[in-house]
Amino acid sequence: MPKNVRDHHAWLVEELRNPVVASNYLNEALEDSPEMFLKALRNVGEAFRLSVVAKEAGFRRETLYRSLSKRGNPRLKTLDAVLNVLGLGIEVKPKKSP
């Protein structure tokens, strides 16, 4: 009899609905690379349904999907609008010393 196995991505998206978990996840991804940050932001956006996020941020759904794609290069205005809808914000802090 097969075990009940839960899809990792589905679990992750559910966890990312928590703003504290989402902010920690995004911060860790940002420390890794810009590409990883975009992927993480897509995952957080999925947790809140990207089509809803796009509408609330004032973007067309297709535009947001394109901006957050692997080849995307969102503007600061886009990032700020999306993060605002998600209840998150941008913060600048000193880098850790080597």
N, C-alpha and C. Protein backbone atom coordinates (compact mmCIF):
# COMPACT_ATOMS: atom_id res chain seq x y z
N MET A 1 0.85 -1.17 0.00
CA MET A 1 0.00 0.00 0.00
C MET A 1 0.91 1.24 0.00
N PRO A 2 0.69 2.19 -0.94
CA PRO A 2 1.55 3.38 -1.01
C PRO A 2 1.31 4.32 0.16
N LYS A 3 2.41 4.95 0.58
CA LYS A 3 2.31 5.94 1.65
C LYS A 3 1.74 7.23 1.08
N ASN A 4 1.10 7.98 1.94
CA ASN A 4 0.65 9.31 1.53
C ASN A 4 1.85 10.23 1.50
N VAL A 5 2.28 10.58 0.31
CA VAL A 5 3.43 11.45 0.14
C VAL A 5 2.94 12.78 -0.38
N ARG A 6 3.37 13.83 0.28
CA ARG A 6 2.94 15.16 -0.09
C ARG A 6 3.97 15.79 -1.01
N ASP A 7 3.54 16.45 -2.03
CA ASP A 7 4.40 17.15 -2.98
C ASP A 7 5.14 18.26 -2.23
N HIS A 8 6.46 18.30 -2.39
CA HIS A 8 7.28 19.30 -1.69
C HIS A 8 6.86 20.72 -2.07
N HIS A 9 6.65 20.97 -3.35
CA HIS A 9 6.29 22.31 -3.80
C HIS A 9 4.96 22.75 -3.19
N ALA A 10 4.01 21.85 -3.13
CA ALA A 10 2.71 22.18 -2.53
C ALA A 10 2.88 22.52 -1.05
N TRP A 11 3.72 21.76 -0.35
CA TRP A 11 4.00 22.04 1.05
C TRP A 11 4.66 23.41 1.20
N LEU A 12 5.66 23.69 0.35
CA LEU A 12 6.39 24.95 0.41
C LEU A 12 5.45 26.13 0.20
N VAL A 13 4.62 26.05 -0.83
CA VAL A 13 3.68 27.14 -1.13
C VAL A 13 2.74 27.37 0.05
N GLU A 14 2.30 26.32 0.69
CA GLU A 14 1.43 26.47 1.86
C GLU A 14 2.17 27.15 3.01
N GLU A 15 3.41 26.77 3.24
CA GLU A 15 4.21 27.37 4.31
C GLU A 15 4.48 28.86 4.05
N LEU A 16 4.64 29.22 2.78
CA LEU A 16 4.99 30.58 2.41
C LEU A 16 3.84 31.57 2.58
N ARG A 17 2.68 31.09 2.96
CA ARG A 17 1.56 31.99 3.25
C ARG A 17 1.78 32.75 4.56
N ASN A 18 2.71 32.25 5.36
CA ASN A 18 3.07 32.91 6.62
C ASN A 18 4.09 34.00 6.29
N PRO A 19 3.80 35.28 6.60
CA PRO A 19 4.71 36.38 6.24
C PRO A 19 6.11 36.24 6.83
N VAL A 20 6.24 35.69 8.03
CA VAL A 20 7.56 35.52 8.65
C VAL A 20 8.37 34.47 7.88
N VAL A 21 7.73 33.38 7.55
CA VAL A 21 8.40 32.33 6.77
C VAL A 21 8.77 32.88 5.40
N ALA A 22 7.85 33.61 4.77
CA ALA A 22 8.10 34.17 3.43
C ALA A 22 9.27 35.14 3.46
N SER A 23 9.33 36.02 4.46
CA SER A 23 10.43 37.00 4.49
C SER A 23 11.76 36.31 4.74
N ASN A 24 11.80 35.33 5.61
CA ASN A 24 13.06 34.59 5.84
C ASN A 24 13.49 33.86 4.58
N TYR A 25 12.55 33.26 3.90
CA TYR A 25 12.82 32.53 2.66
C TYR A 25 13.38 33.46 1.58
N LEU A 26 12.76 34.63 1.43
CA LEU A 26 13.23 35.60 0.43
C LEU A 26 14.60 36.16 0.79
N ASN A 27 14.84 36.43 2.05
CA ASN A 27 16.15 36.94 2.47
C ASN A 27 17.26 35.93 2.21
N GLU A 28 17.00 34.67 2.51
CA GLU A 28 18.00 33.63 2.25
C GLU A 28 18.26 33.49 0.75
N ALA A 29 17.20 33.55 -0.03
CA ALA A 29 17.36 33.45 -1.49
C ALA A 29 18.14 34.62 -2.04
N LEU A 30 17.90 35.81 -1.51
CA LEU A 30 18.60 37.01 -1.96
C LEU A 30 20.09 36.92 -1.66
N GLU A 31 20.44 36.32 -0.54
CA GLU A 31 21.86 36.14 -0.20
C GLU A 31 22.52 35.16 -1.16
N ASP A 32 21.74 34.26 -1.74
CA ASP A 32 22.29 33.27 -2.67
C ASP A 32 22.59 33.90 -4.02
N SER A 33 21.57 34.46 -4.67
CA SER A 33 21.77 35.07 -6.00
C SER A 33 20.49 35.78 -6.43
N PRO A 34 20.61 36.73 -7.37
CA PRO A 34 19.40 37.38 -7.88
C PRO A 34 18.43 36.39 -8.54
N GLU A 35 18.98 35.40 -9.23
CA GLU A 35 18.13 34.39 -9.89
C GLU A 35 17.34 33.59 -8.86
N MET A 36 18.02 33.24 -7.76
CA MET A 36 17.35 32.47 -6.72
C MET A 36 16.27 33.33 -6.04
N PHE A 37 16.54 34.63 -5.90
CA PHE A 37 15.54 35.53 -5.32
C PHE A 37 14.29 35.58 -6.18
N LEU A 38 14.47 35.68 -7.51
CA LEU A 38 13.30 35.71 -8.40
C LEU A 38 12.49 34.42 -8.29
N LYS A 39 13.19 33.30 -8.22
CA LYS A 39 12.50 32.01 -8.08
C LYS A 39 11.73 31.98 -6.76
N ALA A 40 12.37 32.45 -5.71
CA ALA A 40 11.71 32.48 -4.39
C ALA A 40 10.51 33.41 -4.41
N LEU A 41 10.65 34.56 -5.07
CA LEU A 41 9.53 35.50 -5.15
C LEU A 41 8.37 34.90 -5.93
N ARG A 42 8.67 34.13 -6.98
CA ARG A 42 7.60 33.43 -7.71
C ARG A 42 6.89 32.45 -6.79
N ASN A 43 7.66 31.72 -5.98
CA ASN A 43 7.06 30.76 -5.06
C ASN A 43 6.17 31.45 -4.03
N VAL A 44 6.64 32.57 -3.49
CA VAL A 44 5.82 33.32 -2.53
C VAL A 44 4.58 33.86 -3.23
N GLY A 45 4.75 34.36 -4.45
CA GLY A 45 3.62 34.84 -5.22
C GLY A 45 2.58 33.75 -5.47
N GLU A 46 3.07 32.54 -5.73
CA GLU A 46 2.16 31.40 -5.93
C GLU A 46 1.33 31.13 -4.67
N ALA A 47 1.95 31.34 -3.52
CA ALA A 47 1.24 31.10 -2.26
C ALA A 47 0.02 32.02 -2.15
N PHE A 48 0.10 33.17 -2.79
CA PHE A 48 -0.99 34.14 -2.75
C PHE A 48 -1.70 34.26 -4.10
N ARG A 49 -1.48 33.29 -5.00
CA ARG A 49 -2.04 33.27 -6.35
C ARG A 49 -1.55 34.47 -7.15
N LEU A 50 -0.60 34.22 -8.04
CA LEU A 50 0.03 35.28 -8.81
C LEU A 50 -0.96 36.16 -9.57
N SER A 51 -2.03 35.58 -10.05
CA SER A 51 -3.01 36.40 -10.78
C SER A 51 -3.65 37.43 -9.86
N VAL A 52 -3.92 37.06 -8.62
CA VAL A 52 -4.49 37.98 -7.64
C VAL A 52 -3.45 39.04 -7.26
N VAL A 53 -2.20 38.60 -7.05
CA VAL A 53 -1.11 39.53 -6.72
C VAL A 53 -0.94 40.55 -7.83
N ALA A 54 -0.94 40.08 -9.07
CA ALA A 54 -0.77 40.99 -10.21
C ALA A 54 -1.88 42.04 -10.24
N LYS A 55 -3.10 41.60 -10.06
CA LYS A 55 -4.24 42.54 -10.10
C LYS A 55 -4.12 43.57 -8.98
N GLU A 56 -3.82 43.12 -7.77
CA GLU A 56 -3.73 44.03 -6.64
C GLU A 56 -2.52 44.97 -6.75
N ALA A 57 -1.46 44.51 -7.43
CA ALA A 57 -0.27 45.34 -7.62
C ALA A 57 -0.42 46.29 -8.80
N GLY A 58 -1.48 46.11 -9.58
CA GLY A 58 -1.72 46.99 -10.71
C GLY A 58 -1.01 46.58 -11.99
N PHE A 59 -0.72 45.29 -12.13
CA PHE A 59 -0.06 44.77 -13.32
C PHE A 59 -0.95 43.76 -14.02
N ARG A 60 -0.73 43.59 -15.30
CA ARG A 60 -1.39 42.50 -16.00
C ARG A 60 -0.72 41.20 -15.57
N ARG A 61 -1.49 40.14 -15.52
CA ARG A 61 -0.98 38.84 -15.07
C ARG A 61 0.22 38.41 -15.91
N GLU A 62 0.11 38.55 -17.21
CA GLU A 62 1.19 38.13 -18.12
C GLU A 62 2.47 38.92 -17.86
N THR A 63 2.32 40.21 -17.57
CA THR A 63 3.47 41.06 -17.30
C THR A 63 4.19 40.61 -16.04
N LEU A 64 3.43 40.28 -15.01
CA LEU A 64 4.05 39.82 -13.76
C LEU A 64 4.74 38.47 -13.96
N TYR A 65 4.07 37.55 -14.65
CA TYR A 65 4.70 36.25 -14.92
C TYR A 65 6.01 36.44 -15.67
N ARG A 66 6.02 37.33 -16.65
CA ARG A 66 7.23 37.59 -17.44
C ARG A 66 8.31 38.22 -16.57
N SER A 67 7.94 39.17 -15.74
CA SER A 67 8.92 39.84 -14.87
C SER A 67 9.57 38.88 -13.89
N LEU A 68 8.81 37.90 -13.42
CA LEU A 68 9.33 36.96 -12.43
C LEU A 68 9.83 35.66 -13.04
N SER A 69 9.91 35.60 -14.36
CA SER A 69 10.39 34.39 -15.02
C SER A 69 11.90 34.28 -14.89
N LYS A 70 12.47 33.16 -15.32
CA LYS A 70 13.92 32.96 -15.26
C LYS A 70 14.67 34.05 -16.01
N ARG A 71 14.09 34.52 -17.09
CA ARG A 71 14.72 35.57 -17.90
C ARG A 71 14.25 36.97 -17.49
N GLY A 72 13.39 37.04 -16.51
CA GLY A 72 12.82 38.32 -16.09
C GLY A 72 13.85 39.23 -15.43
N ASN A 73 13.55 40.49 -15.48
CA ASN A 73 14.40 41.51 -14.86
C ASN A 73 13.48 42.61 -14.33
N PRO A 74 12.76 42.30 -13.23
CA PRO A 74 11.77 43.26 -12.75
C PRO A 74 12.41 44.56 -12.26
N ARG A 75 11.69 45.63 -12.43
CA ARG A 75 12.13 46.93 -11.93
C ARG A 75 11.87 47.00 -10.43
N LEU A 76 12.52 47.94 -9.80
CA LEU A 76 12.32 48.14 -8.37
C LEU A 76 10.85 48.44 -8.07
N LYS A 77 10.21 49.20 -8.94
CA LYS A 77 8.79 49.54 -8.78
C LYS A 77 7.94 48.26 -8.76
N THR A 78 8.28 47.31 -9.63
CA THR A 78 7.54 46.05 -9.69
C THR A 78 7.75 45.25 -8.40
N LEU A 79 9.02 45.14 -7.99
CA LEU A 79 9.31 44.40 -6.75
C LEU A 79 8.60 45.02 -5.56
N ASP A 80 8.65 46.35 -5.46
CA ASP A 80 8.01 47.03 -4.35
C ASP A 80 6.51 46.79 -4.35
N ALA A 81 5.87 46.89 -5.51
CA ALA A 81 4.42 46.68 -5.61
C ALA A 81 4.04 45.26 -5.23
N VAL A 82 4.79 44.28 -5.72
CA VAL A 82 4.49 42.87 -5.42
C VAL A 82 4.70 42.60 -3.94
N LEU A 83 5.84 43.04 -3.40
CA LEU A 83 6.10 42.81 -1.99
C LEU A 83 5.06 43.50 -1.11
N ASN A 84 4.61 44.67 -1.51
CA ASN A 84 3.58 45.38 -0.76
C ASN A 84 2.29 44.56 -0.71
N VAL A 85 1.89 44.00 -1.83
CA VAL A 85 0.68 43.15 -1.87
C VAL A 85 0.85 41.95 -0.95
N LEU A 86 2.08 41.42 -0.89
CA LEU A 86 2.35 40.24 -0.05
C LEU A 86 2.52 40.59 1.42
N GLY A 87 2.45 41.89 1.73
CA GLY A 87 2.62 42.31 3.11
C GLY A 87 4.08 42.34 3.54
N LEU A 88 4.97 42.48 2.58
CA LEU A 88 6.41 42.49 2.84
C LEU A 88 7.00 43.79 2.32
N GLY A 89 8.25 44.07 2.65
CA GLY A 89 8.90 45.27 2.17
C GLY A 89 10.37 45.03 1.91
N ILE A 90 10.99 46.02 1.31
CA ILE A 90 12.42 45.96 1.01
C ILE A 90 13.17 46.66 2.13
N GLU A 91 14.26 46.05 2.57
CA GLU A 91 15.07 46.62 3.63
C GLU A 91 16.54 46.48 3.25
N VAL A 92 17.31 47.52 3.53
CA VAL A 92 18.74 47.48 3.26
C VAL A 92 19.47 47.32 4.58
N LYS A 93 20.43 46.41 4.62
CA LYS A 93 21.20 46.18 5.84
C LYS A 93 22.66 45.99 5.47
N PRO A 94 23.57 46.20 6.41
CA PRO A 94 24.99 46.00 6.11
C PRO A 94 25.26 44.53 5.82
N LYS A 95 26.19 44.29 4.91
CA LYS A 95 26.60 42.91 4.63
C LYS A 95 27.39 42.38 5.80
N LYS A 96 27.38 41.08 5.93
CA LYS A 96 28.17 40.44 6.98
C LYS A 96 29.64 40.58 6.65
N SER A 97 30.45 40.81 7.65
CA SER A 97 31.89 40.91 7.42
C SER A 97 32.45 39.53 7.10
N PRO A 98 33.46 39.49 6.19
CA PRO A 98 34.05 38.19 5.85
C PRO A 98 34.83 37.60 6.99
